[in-house]
Amino acid sequence: MGDRLPKLLGGLFAFAALSVCILNRIDPWTATVRGLLAFAAGHIAGSIWEGLFGAPAGKVIEADALDVQSRQEADPADGGDQVGEETAA
């Protein structure tokens, strides 16, 4: 999910804070500050969640894919079709 969860959680926090402020008729500047603080809190909470429970940040290569690739590179039955090599007809 990458960087999407912190933004999503921050957006939900900000939306909730702004909704409560609008329903309670709080002045716009206070509502905006509360929305920004809620977004920051949600973004930090989402980042912590991703850090603890997210997928590892490395590239995972399956062993079968490596085995197939190594067999293709070492296969002499290809007939020498290499880039830049012309065949005489």
PDB file of N, CA and C in Angstrom:
ATOM      1  N   MET A   1       0.824  -1.180   0.000  1.00  0.00           N
ATOM      2  CA  MET A   1       0.000   0.000   0.000  1.00  0.00           C
ATOM      3  C   MET A   1       0.868   1.243   0.000  1.00  0.00           C
ATOM      4  N   GLY A   2       2.093   1.084   0.463  1.00  0.00           N
ATOM      5  CA  GLY A   2       3.037   2.182   0.348  1.00  0.00           C
ATOM      6  C   GLY A   2       2.694   3.391   1.161  1.00  0.00           C
ATOM      7  N   ASP A   3       2.635   4.525   0.480  1.00  0.00           N
ATOM      8  CA  ASP A   3       2.431   5.794   1.164  1.00  0.00           C
ATOM      9  C   ASP A   3       0.950   6.176   1.209  1.00  0.00           C
ATOM     10  N   ARG A   4       0.072   5.286   0.770  1.00  0.00           N
ATOM     11  CA  ARG A   4      -1.346   5.633   0.697  1.00  0.00           C
ATOM     12  C   ARG A   4      -2.035   5.605   2.051  1.00  0.00           C
ATOM     13  N   LEU A   5      -1.682   4.671   2.929  1.00  0.00           N
ATOM     14  CA  LEU A   5      -2.371   4.543   4.205  1.00  0.00           C
ATOM     15  C   LEU A   5      -2.206   5.778   5.086  1.00  0.00           C
ATOM     16  N   PRO A   6      -1.012   6.323   5.259  1.00  0.00           N
ATOM     17  CA  PRO A   6      -0.911   7.532   6.083  1.00  0.00           C
ATOM     18  C   PRO A   6      -1.732   8.700   5.537  1.00  0.00           C
ATOM     19  N   LYS A   7      -1.744   8.866   4.222  1.00  0.00           N
ATOM     20  CA  LYS A   7      -2.544   9.954   3.639  1.00  0.00           C
ATOM     21  C   LYS A   7      -4.031   9.703   3.820  1.00  0.00           C
ATOM     22  N   LEU A   8      -4.452   8.461   3.641  1.00  0.00           N
ATOM     23  CA  LEU A   8      -5.857   8.117   3.817  1.00  0.00           C
ATOM     24  C   LEU A   8      -6.294   8.336   5.256  1.00  0.00           C
ATOM     25  N   LEU A   9      -5.510   7.853   6.186  1.00  0.00           N
ATOM     26  CA  LEU A   9      -5.851   8.017   7.597  1.00  0.00           C
ATOM     27  C   LEU A   9      -5.826   9.480   8.010  1.00  0.00           C
ATOM     28  N   GLY A  10      -4.848  10.217   7.524  1.00  0.00           N
ATOM     29  CA  GLY A  10      -4.796  11.649   7.804  1.00  0.00           C
ATOM     30  C   GLY A  10      -6.001  12.375   7.238  1.00  0.00           C
ATOM     31  N   GLY A  11      -6.408  12.009   6.033  1.00  0.00           N
ATOM     32  CA  GLY A  11      -7.582  12.619   5.422  1.00  0.00           C
ATOM     33  C   GLY A  11      -8.858  12.309   6.188  1.00  0.00           C
ATOM     34  N   LEU A  12      -8.986  11.067   6.651  1.00  0.00           N
ATOM     35  CA  LEU A  12     -10.166  10.705   7.440  1.00  0.00           C
ATOM     36  C   LEU A  12     -10.203  11.459   8.764  1.00  0.00           C
ATOM     37  N   PHE A  13      -9.052  11.580   9.412  1.00  0.00           N
ATOM     38  CA  PHE A  13      -8.988  12.347  10.664  1.00  0.00           C
ATOM     39  C   PHE A  13      -9.361  13.805  10.415  1.00  0.00           C
ATOM     40  N   ALA A  14      -8.826  14.386   9.353  1.00  0.00           N
ATOM     41  CA  ALA A  14      -9.115  15.788   9.050  1.00  0.00           C
ATOM     42  C   ALA A  14     -10.588  15.966   8.703  1.00  0.00           C
ATOM     43  N   PHE A  15     -11.141  15.047   7.934  1.00  0.00           N
ATOM     44  CA  PHE A  15     -12.554  15.125   7.576  1.00  0.00           C
ATOM     45  C   PHE A  15     -13.435  15.067   8.816  1.00  0.00           C
ATOM     46  N   ALA A  16     -13.106  14.154   9.732  1.00  0.00           N
ATOM     47  CA  ALA A  16     -13.884  14.040  10.966  1.00  0.00           C
ATOM     48  C   ALA A  16     -13.777  15.318  11.790  1.00  0.00           C
ATOM     49  N   ALA A  17     -12.575  15.868  11.908  1.00  0.00           N
ATOM     50  CA  ALA A  17     -12.393  17.088  12.695  1.00  0.00           C
ATOM     51  C   ALA A  17     -13.136  18.265  12.062  1.00  0.00           C
ATOM     52  N   LEU A  18     -13.035  18.396  10.752  1.00  0.00           N
ATOM     53  CA  LEU A  18     -13.735  19.496  10.085  1.00  0.00           C
ATOM     54  C   LEU A  18     -15.245  19.323  10.157  1.00  0.00           C
ATOM     55  N   SER A  19     -15.729  18.097  10.064  1.00  0.00           N
ATOM     56  CA  SER A  19     -17.170  17.848  10.167  1.00  0.00           C
ATOM     57  C   SER A  19     -17.698  18.242  11.540  1.00  0.00           C
ATOM     58  N   VAL A  20     -16.976  17.866  12.568  1.00  0.00           N
ATOM     59  CA  VAL A  20     -17.392  18.221  13.930  1.00  0.00           C
ATOM     60  C   VAL A  20     -17.363  19.729  14.118  1.00  0.00           C
ATOM     61  N   CYS A  21     -16.352  20.381  13.593  1.00  0.00           N
ATOM     62  CA  CYS A  21     -16.253  21.841  13.718  1.00  0.00           C
ATOM     63  C   CYS A  21     -17.399  22.544  12.982  1.00  0.00           C
ATOM     64  N   ILE A  22     -17.747  22.053  11.806  1.00  0.00           N
ATOM     65  CA  ILE A  22     -18.832  22.675  11.039  1.00  0.00           C
ATOM     66  C   ILE A  22     -20.170  22.462  11.744  1.00  0.00           C
ATOM     67  N   LEU A  23     -20.400  21.251  12.243  1.00  0.00           N
ATOM     68  CA  LEU A  23     -21.658  20.968  12.919  1.00  0.00           C
ATOM     69  C   LEU A  23     -21.810  21.762  14.218  1.00  0.00           C
ATOM     70  N   ASN A  24     -20.707  22.066  14.868  1.00  0.00           N
ATOM     71  CA  ASN A  24     -20.749  22.833  16.113  1.00  0.00           C
ATOM     72  C   ASN A  24     -20.582  24.332  15.887  1.00  0.00           C
ATOM     73  N   ARG A  25     -20.544  24.760  14.635  1.00  0.00           N
ATOM     74  CA  ARG A  25     -20.451  26.171  14.242  1.00  0.00           C
ATOM     75  C   ARG A  25     -19.243  26.871  14.878  1.00  0.00           C
ATOM     76  N   ILE A  26     -18.085  26.212  14.748  1.00  0.00           N
ATOM     77  CA  ILE A  26     -16.828  26.805  15.222  1.00  0.00           C
ATOM     78  C   ILE A  26     -16.269  27.671  14.097  1.00  0.00           C
ATOM     79  N   ASP A  27     -15.625  28.778  14.451  1.00  0.00           N
ATOM     80  CA  ASP A  27     -15.159  29.720  13.425  1.00  0.00           C
ATOM     81  C   ASP A  27     -14.160  29.047  12.464  1.00  0.00           C
ATOM     82  N   PRO A  28     -14.071  29.546  11.225  1.00  0.00           N
ATOM     83  CA  PRO A  28     -13.286  28.876  10.173  1.00  0.00           C
ATOM     84  C   PRO A  28     -11.806  28.709  10.486  1.00  0.00           C
ATOM     85  N   TRP A  29     -11.168  29.694  11.110  1.00  0.00           N
ATOM     86  CA  TRP A  29      -9.735  29.571  11.388  1.00  0.00           C
ATOM     87  C   TRP A  29      -9.454  28.464  12.391  1.00  0.00           C
ATOM     88  N   THR A  30     -10.259  28.391  13.429  1.00  0.00           N
ATOM     89  CA  THR A  30     -10.079  27.331  14.415  1.00  0.00           C
ATOM     90  C   THR A  30     -10.352  25.964  13.783  1.00  0.00           C
ATOM     91  N   ALA A  31     -11.376  25.893  12.942  1.00  0.00           N
ATOM     92  CA  ALA A  31     -11.697  24.634  12.273  1.00  0.00           C
ATOM     93  C   ALA A  31     -10.561  24.203  11.351  1.00  0.00           C
ATOM     94  N   THR A  32      -9.967  25.174  10.641  1.00  0.00           N
ATOM     95  CA  THR A  32      -8.859  24.856   9.738  1.00  0.00           C
ATOM     96  C   THR A  32      -7.651  24.351  10.509  1.00  0.00           C
ATOM     97  N   VAL A  33      -7.330  25.008  11.618  1.00  0.00           N
ATOM     98  CA  VAL A  33      -6.186  24.570  12.438  1.00  0.00           C
ATOM     99  C   VAL A  33      -6.441  23.184  13.005  1.00  0.00           C
ATOM    100  N   ARG A  34      -7.650  22.947  13.466  1.00  0.00           N
ATOM    101  CA  ARG A  34      -7.978  21.617  13.994  1.00  0.00           C
ATOM    102  C   ARG A  34      -7.913  20.550  12.892  1.00  0.00           C
ATOM    103  N   GLY A  35      -8.345  20.899  11.705  1.00  0.00           N
ATOM    104  CA  GLY A  35      -8.263  19.959  10.584  1.00  0.00           C
ATOM    105  C   GLY A  35      -6.827  19.631  10.218  1.00  0.00           C
ATOM    106  N   LEU A  36      -5.961  20.660  10.210  1.00  0.00           N
ATOM    107  CA  LEU A  36      -4.538  20.428   9.912  1.00  0.00           C
ATOM    108  C   LEU A  36      -3.876  19.578  10.987  1.00  0.00           C
ATOM    109  N   LEU A  37      -4.197  19.871  12.251  1.00  0.00           N
ATOM    110  CA  LEU A  37      -3.631  19.064  13.342  1.00  0.00           C
ATOM    111  C   LEU A  37      -4.141  17.623  13.281  1.00  0.00           C
ATOM    112  N   ALA A  38      -5.420  17.447  12.941  1.00  0.00           N
ATOM    113  CA  ALA A  38      -5.967  16.094  12.814  1.00  0.00           C
ATOM    114  C   ALA A  38      -5.317  15.352  11.647  1.00  0.00           C
ATOM    115  N   PHE A  39      -5.066  16.052  10.533  1.00  0.00           N
ATOM    116  CA  PHE A  39      -4.387  15.417   9.401  1.00  0.00           C
ATOM    117  C   PHE A  39      -2.981  14.975   9.798  1.00  0.00           C
ATOM    118  N   ALA A  40      -2.262  15.849  10.513  1.00  0.00           N
ATOM    119  CA  ALA A  40      -0.904  15.492  10.949  1.00  0.00           C
ATOM    120  C   ALA A  40      -0.931  14.294  11.892  1.00  0.00           C
ATOM    121  N   ALA A  41      -1.875  14.275  12.819  1.00  0.00           N
ATOM    122  CA  ALA A  41      -1.977  13.151  13.753  1.00  0.00           C
ATOM    123  C   ALA A  41      -2.324  11.857  13.009  1.00  0.00           C
ATOM    124  N   GLY A  42      -3.236  11.934  12.050  1.00  0.00           N
ATOM    125  CA  GLY A  42      -3.586  10.756  11.274  1.00  0.00           C
ATOM    126  C   GLY A  42      -2.454  10.272  10.395  1.00  0.00           C
ATOM    127  N   HIS A  43      -1.701  11.210   9.836  1.00  0.00           N
ATOM    128  CA  HIS A  43      -0.559  10.846   8.995  1.00  0.00           C
ATOM    129  C   HIS A  43       0.515  10.148   9.835  1.00  0.00           C
ATOM    130  N   ILE A  44       0.770  10.654  11.019  1.00  0.00           N
ATOM    131  CA  ILE A  44       1.761  10.026  11.908  1.00  0.00           C
ATOM    132  C   ILE A  44       1.270   8.651  12.346  1.00  0.00           C
ATOM    133  N   ALA A  45      -0.011   8.545  12.702  1.00  0.00           N
ATOM    134  CA  ALA A  45      -0.563   7.245  13.115  1.00  0.00           C
ATOM    135  C   ALA A  45      -0.495   6.242  11.964  1.00  0.00           C
ATOM    136  N   GLY A  46      -0.797   6.687  10.746  1.00  0.00           N
ATOM    137  CA  GLY A  46      -0.714   5.796   9.585  1.00  0.00           C
ATOM    138  C   GLY A  46       0.708   5.362   9.290  1.00  0.00           C
ATOM    139  N   SER A  47       1.661   6.261   9.470  1.00  0.00           N
ATOM    140  CA  SER A  47       3.067   5.909   9.252  1.00  0.00           C
ATOM    141  C   SER A  47       3.548   4.889  10.270  1.00  0.00           C
ATOM    142  N   ILE A  48       3.127   5.067  11.506  1.00  0.00           N
ATOM    143  CA  ILE A  48       3.501   4.093  12.541  1.00  0.00           C
ATOM    144  C   ILE A  48       2.864   2.741  12.229  1.00  0.00           C
ATOM    145  N   TRP A  49       1.607   2.753  11.832  1.00  0.00           N
ATOM    146  CA  TRP A  49       0.921   1.502  11.482  1.00  0.00           C
ATOM    147  C   TRP A  49       1.644   0.799  10.333  1.00  0.00           C
ATOM    148  N   GLU A  50       1.996   1.547   9.293  1.00  0.00           N
ATOM    149  CA  GLU A  50       2.726   0.960   8.160  1.00  0.00           C
ATOM    150  C   GLU A  50       4.079   0.416   8.600  1.00  0.00           C
ATOM    151  N   GLY A  51       4.750   1.128   9.493  1.00  0.00           N
ATOM    152  CA  GLY A  51       6.051   0.678   9.963  1.00  0.00           C
ATOM    153  C   GLY A  51       5.971  -0.614  10.748  1.00  0.00           C
ATOM    154  N   LEU A  52       4.902  -0.768  11.518  1.00  0.00           N
ATOM    155  CA  LEU A  52       4.767  -1.963  12.342  1.00  0.00           C
ATOM    156  C   LEU A  52       4.170  -3.145  11.587  1.00  0.00           C
ATOM    157  N   PHE A  53       3.159  -2.894  10.779  1.00  0.00           N
ATOM    158  CA  PHE A  53       2.409  -3.986  10.168  1.00  0.00           C
ATOM    159  C   PHE A  53       2.479  -4.021   8.648  1.00  0.00           C
ATOM    160  N   GLY A  54       3.204  -3.114   8.029  1.00  0.00           N
ATOM    161  CA  GLY A  54       3.285  -3.059   6.570  1.00  0.00           C
ATOM    162  C   GLY A  54       4.215  -4.115   6.007  1.00  0.00           C
ATOM    163  N   ALA A  55       4.172  -4.257   4.705  1.00  0.00           N
ATOM    164  CA  ALA A  55       5.043  -5.211   4.013  1.00  0.00           C
ATOM    165  C   ALA A  55       6.486  -4.707   4.055  1.00  0.00           C
ATOM    166  N   PRO A  56       7.451  -5.599   4.043  1.00  0.00           N
ATOM    167  CA  PRO A  56       8.843  -5.165   4.027  1.00  0.00           C
ATOM    168  C   PRO A  56       9.153  -4.374   2.754  1.00  0.00           C
ATOM    169  N   ALA A  57      10.107  -3.486   2.845  1.00  0.00           N
ATOM    170  CA  ALA A  57      10.389  -2.567   1.745  1.00  0.00           C
ATOM    171  C   ALA A  57      11.389  -3.113   0.742  1.00  0.00           C
ATOM    172  N   GLY A  58      11.695  -4.378   0.766  1.00  0.00           N
ATOM    173  CA  GLY A  58      12.653  -4.949  -0.172  1.00  0.00           C
ATOM    174  C   GLY A  58      11.949  -5.572  -1.357  1.00  0.00           C
ATOM    175  N   LYS A  59      12.717  -5.883  -2.383  1.00  0.00           N
ATOM    176  CA  LYS A  59      12.168  -6.548  -3.552  1.00  0.00           C
ATOM    177  C   LYS A  59      12.251  -8.051  -3.326  1.00  0.00           C
ATOM    178  N   VAL A  60      11.124  -8.705  -3.444  1.00  0.00           N
ATOM    179  CA  VAL A  60      11.056 -10.140  -3.200  1.00  0.00           C
ATOM    180  C   VAL A  60      11.048 -10.853  -4.548  1.00  0.00           C
ATOM    181  N   ILE A  61      12.001 -11.738  -4.721  1.00  0.00           N
ATOM    182  CA  ILE A  61      12.092 -12.519  -5.949  1.00  0.00           C
ATOM    183  C   ILE A  61      11.920 -13.980  -5.565  1.00  0.00           C
ATOM    184  N   GLU A  62      10.996 -14.644  -6.237  1.00  0.00           N
ATOM    185  CA  GLU A  62      10.769 -16.045  -5.937  1.00  0.00           C
ATOM    186  C   GLU A  62      11.882 -16.903  -6.515  1.00  0.00           C
ATOM    187  N   ALA A  63      12.165 -18.005  -5.868  1.00  0.00           N
ATOM    188  CA  ALA A  63      13.242 -18.886  -6.311  1.00  0.00           C
ATOM    189  C   ALA A  63      12.943 -19.489  -7.679  1.00  0.00           C
ATOM    190  N   ASP A  64      11.676 -19.756  -7.980  1.00  0.00           N
ATOM    191  CA  ASP A  64      11.326 -20.330  -9.281  1.00  0.00           C
ATOM    192  C   ASP A  64      11.662 -19.362 -10.406  1.00  0.00           C
ATOM    193  N   ALA A  65      11.429 -18.072 -10.196  1.00  0.00           N
ATOM    194  CA  ALA A  65      11.725 -17.080 -11.229  1.00  0.00           C
ATOM    195  C   ALA A  65      13.228 -17.010 -11.491  1.00  0.00           C
ATOM    196  N   LEU A  66      14.030 -17.091 -10.452  1.00  0.00           N
ATOM    197  CA  LEU A  66      15.484 -17.080 -10.623  1.00  0.00           C
ATOM    198  C   LEU A  66      15.950 -18.321 -11.369  1.00  0.00           C
ATOM    199  N   ASP A  67      15.360 -19.473 -11.064  1.00  0.00           N
ATOM    200  CA  ASP A  67      15.752 -20.715 -11.710  1.00  0.00           C
ATOM    201  C   ASP A  67      15.418 -20.674 -13.204  1.00  0.00           C
ATOM    202  N   VAL A  68      14.263 -20.179 -13.562  1.00  0.00           N
ATOM    203  CA  VAL A  68      13.867 -20.084 -14.970  1.00  0.00           C
ATOM    204  C   VAL A  68      14.775 -19.113 -15.706  1.00  0.00           C
ATOM    205  N   GLN A  69      15.076 -17.981 -15.086  1.00  0.00           N
ATOM    206  CA  GLN A  69      15.931 -16.985 -15.729  1.00  0.00           C
ATOM    207  C   GLN A  69      17.337 -17.529 -15.951  1.00  0.00           C
ATOM    208  N   SER A  70      17.884 -18.231 -14.973  1.00  0.00           N
ATOM    209  CA  SER A  70      19.233 -18.761 -15.138  1.00  0.00           C
ATOM    210  C   SER A  70      19.268 -19.851 -16.209  1.00  0.00           C
ATOM    211  N   ARG A  71      18.189 -20.620 -16.344  1.00  0.00           N
ATOM    212  CA  ARG A  71      18.138 -21.635 -17.388  1.00  0.00           C
ATOM    213  C   ARG A  71      18.052 -20.994 -18.766  1.00  0.00           C
ATOM    214  N   GLN A  72      17.333 -19.886 -18.889  1.00  0.00           N
ATOM    215  CA  GLN A  72      17.215 -19.218 -20.174  1.00  0.00           C
ATOM    216  C   GLN A  72      18.545 -18.606 -20.598  1.00  0.00           C
ATOM    217  N   GLU A  73      19.298 -18.066 -19.666  1.00  0.00           N
ATOM    218  CA  GLU A  73      20.581 -17.438 -19.984  1.00  0.00           C
ATOM    219  C   GLU A  73      21.620 -18.486 -20.372  1.00  0.00           C
ATOM    220  N   ALA A  74      21.563 -19.666 -19.787  1.00  0.00           N
ATOM    221  CA  ALA A  74      22.574 -20.697 -20.036  1.00  0.00           C
ATOM    222  C   ALA A  74      22.148 -21.699 -21.102  1.00  0.00           C
ATOM    223  N   ASP A  75      21.022 -21.480 -21.766  1.00  0.00           N
ATOM    224  CA  ASP A  75      20.511 -22.453 -22.735  1.00  0.00           C
ATOM    225  C   ASP A  75      21.248 -22.303 -24.071  1.00  0.00           C
ATOM    226  N   PRO A  76      22.067 -23.287 -24.493  1.00  0.00           N
ATOM    227  CA  PRO A  76      22.785 -23.192 -25.767  1.00  0.00           C
ATOM    228  C   PRO A  76      21.903 -23.495 -26.967  1.00  0.00           C
ATOM    229  N   ALA A  77      20.680 -23.939 -26.759  1.00  0.00           N
ATOM    230  CA  ALA A  77      19.795 -24.314 -27.863  1.00  0.00           C
ATOM    231  C   ALA A  77      19.163 -23.104 -28.537  1.00  0.00           C
ATOM    232  N   ASP A  78      19.438 -21.917 -28.074  1.00  0.00           N
ATOM    233  CA  ASP A  78      18.858 -20.715 -28.670  1.00  0.00           C
ATOM    234  C   ASP A  78      19.412 -20.458 -30.061  1.00  0.00           C
ATOM    235  N   GLY A  79      20.528 -20.985 -30.396  1.00  0.00           N
ATOM    236  CA  GLY A  79      21.103 -20.821 -31.721  1.00  0.00           C
ATOM    237  C   GLY A  79      21.896 -19.541 -31.887  1.00  0.00           C
ATOM    238  N   GLY A  80      22.230 -18.866 -30.835  1.00  0.00           N
ATOM    239  CA  GLY A  80      23.072 -17.690 -30.916  1.00  0.00           C
ATOM    240  C   GLY A  80      22.367 -16.446 -31.448  1.00  0.00           C
ATOM    241  N   ASP A  81      21.089 -16.316 -31.205  1.00  0.00           N
ATOM    242  CA  ASP A  81      20.359 -15.118 -31.637  1.00  0.00           C
ATOM    243  C   ASP A  81      20.687 -13.969 -30.692  1.00  0.00           C
ATOM    244  N   GLN A  82      21.732 -13.292 -30.989  1.00  0.00           N
ATOM    245  CA  GLN A  82      22.133 -12.172 -30.142  1.00  0.00           C
ATOM    246  C   GLN A  82      21.933 -10.877 -30.919  1.00  0.00           C
ATOM    247  N   VAL A  83      21.837  -9.798 -30.220  1.00  0.00           N
ATOM    248  CA  VAL A  83      21.625  -8.496 -30.819  1.00  0.00           C
ATOM    249  C   VAL A  83      22.856  -8.115 -31.622  1.00  0.00           C
ATOM    250  N   GLY A  84      22.647  -7.653 -32.850  1.00  0.00           N
ATOM    251  CA  GLY A  84      23.750  -7.200 -33.685  1.00  0.00           C
ATOM    252  C   GLY A  84      24.368  -8.296 -34.535  1.00  0.00           C
ATOM    253  N   GLU A  85      23.938  -9.514 -34.381  1.00  0.00           N
ATOM    254  CA  GLU A  85      24.505 -10.616 -35.156  1.00  0.00           C
ATOM    255  C   GLU A  85      23.610 -10.873 -36.362  1.00  0.00           C
ATOM    256  N   GLU A  86      24.199 -10.882 -37.536  1.00  0.00           N
ATOM    257  CA  GLU A  86      23.433 -11.106 -38.752  1.00  0.00           C
ATOM    258  C   GLU A  86      23.655 -12.539 -39.220  1.00  0.00           C
ATOM    259  N   THR A  87      22.628 -13.076 -39.823  1.00  0.00           N
ATOM    260  CA  THR A  87      22.740 -14.451 -40.343  1.00  0.00           C
ATOM    261  C   THR A  87      22.895 -14.394 -41.851  1.00  0.00           C
ATOM    262  N   ALA A  88      23.757 -15.229 -42.390  1.00  0.00           N
ATOM    263  CA  ALA A  88      23.986 -15.266 -43.839  1.00  0.00           C
ATOM    264  C   ALA A  88      22.952 -16.203 -44.452  1.00  0.00           C
ATOM    265  N   ALA A  89      22.315 -15.738 -45.544  1.00  0.00           N
ATOM    266  CA  ALA A  89      21.265 -16.563 -46.186  1.00  0.00           C
ATOM    267  C   ALA A  89      21.776 -17.190 -47.452  1.00  0.00           C
TER     268      ALA A  89
END
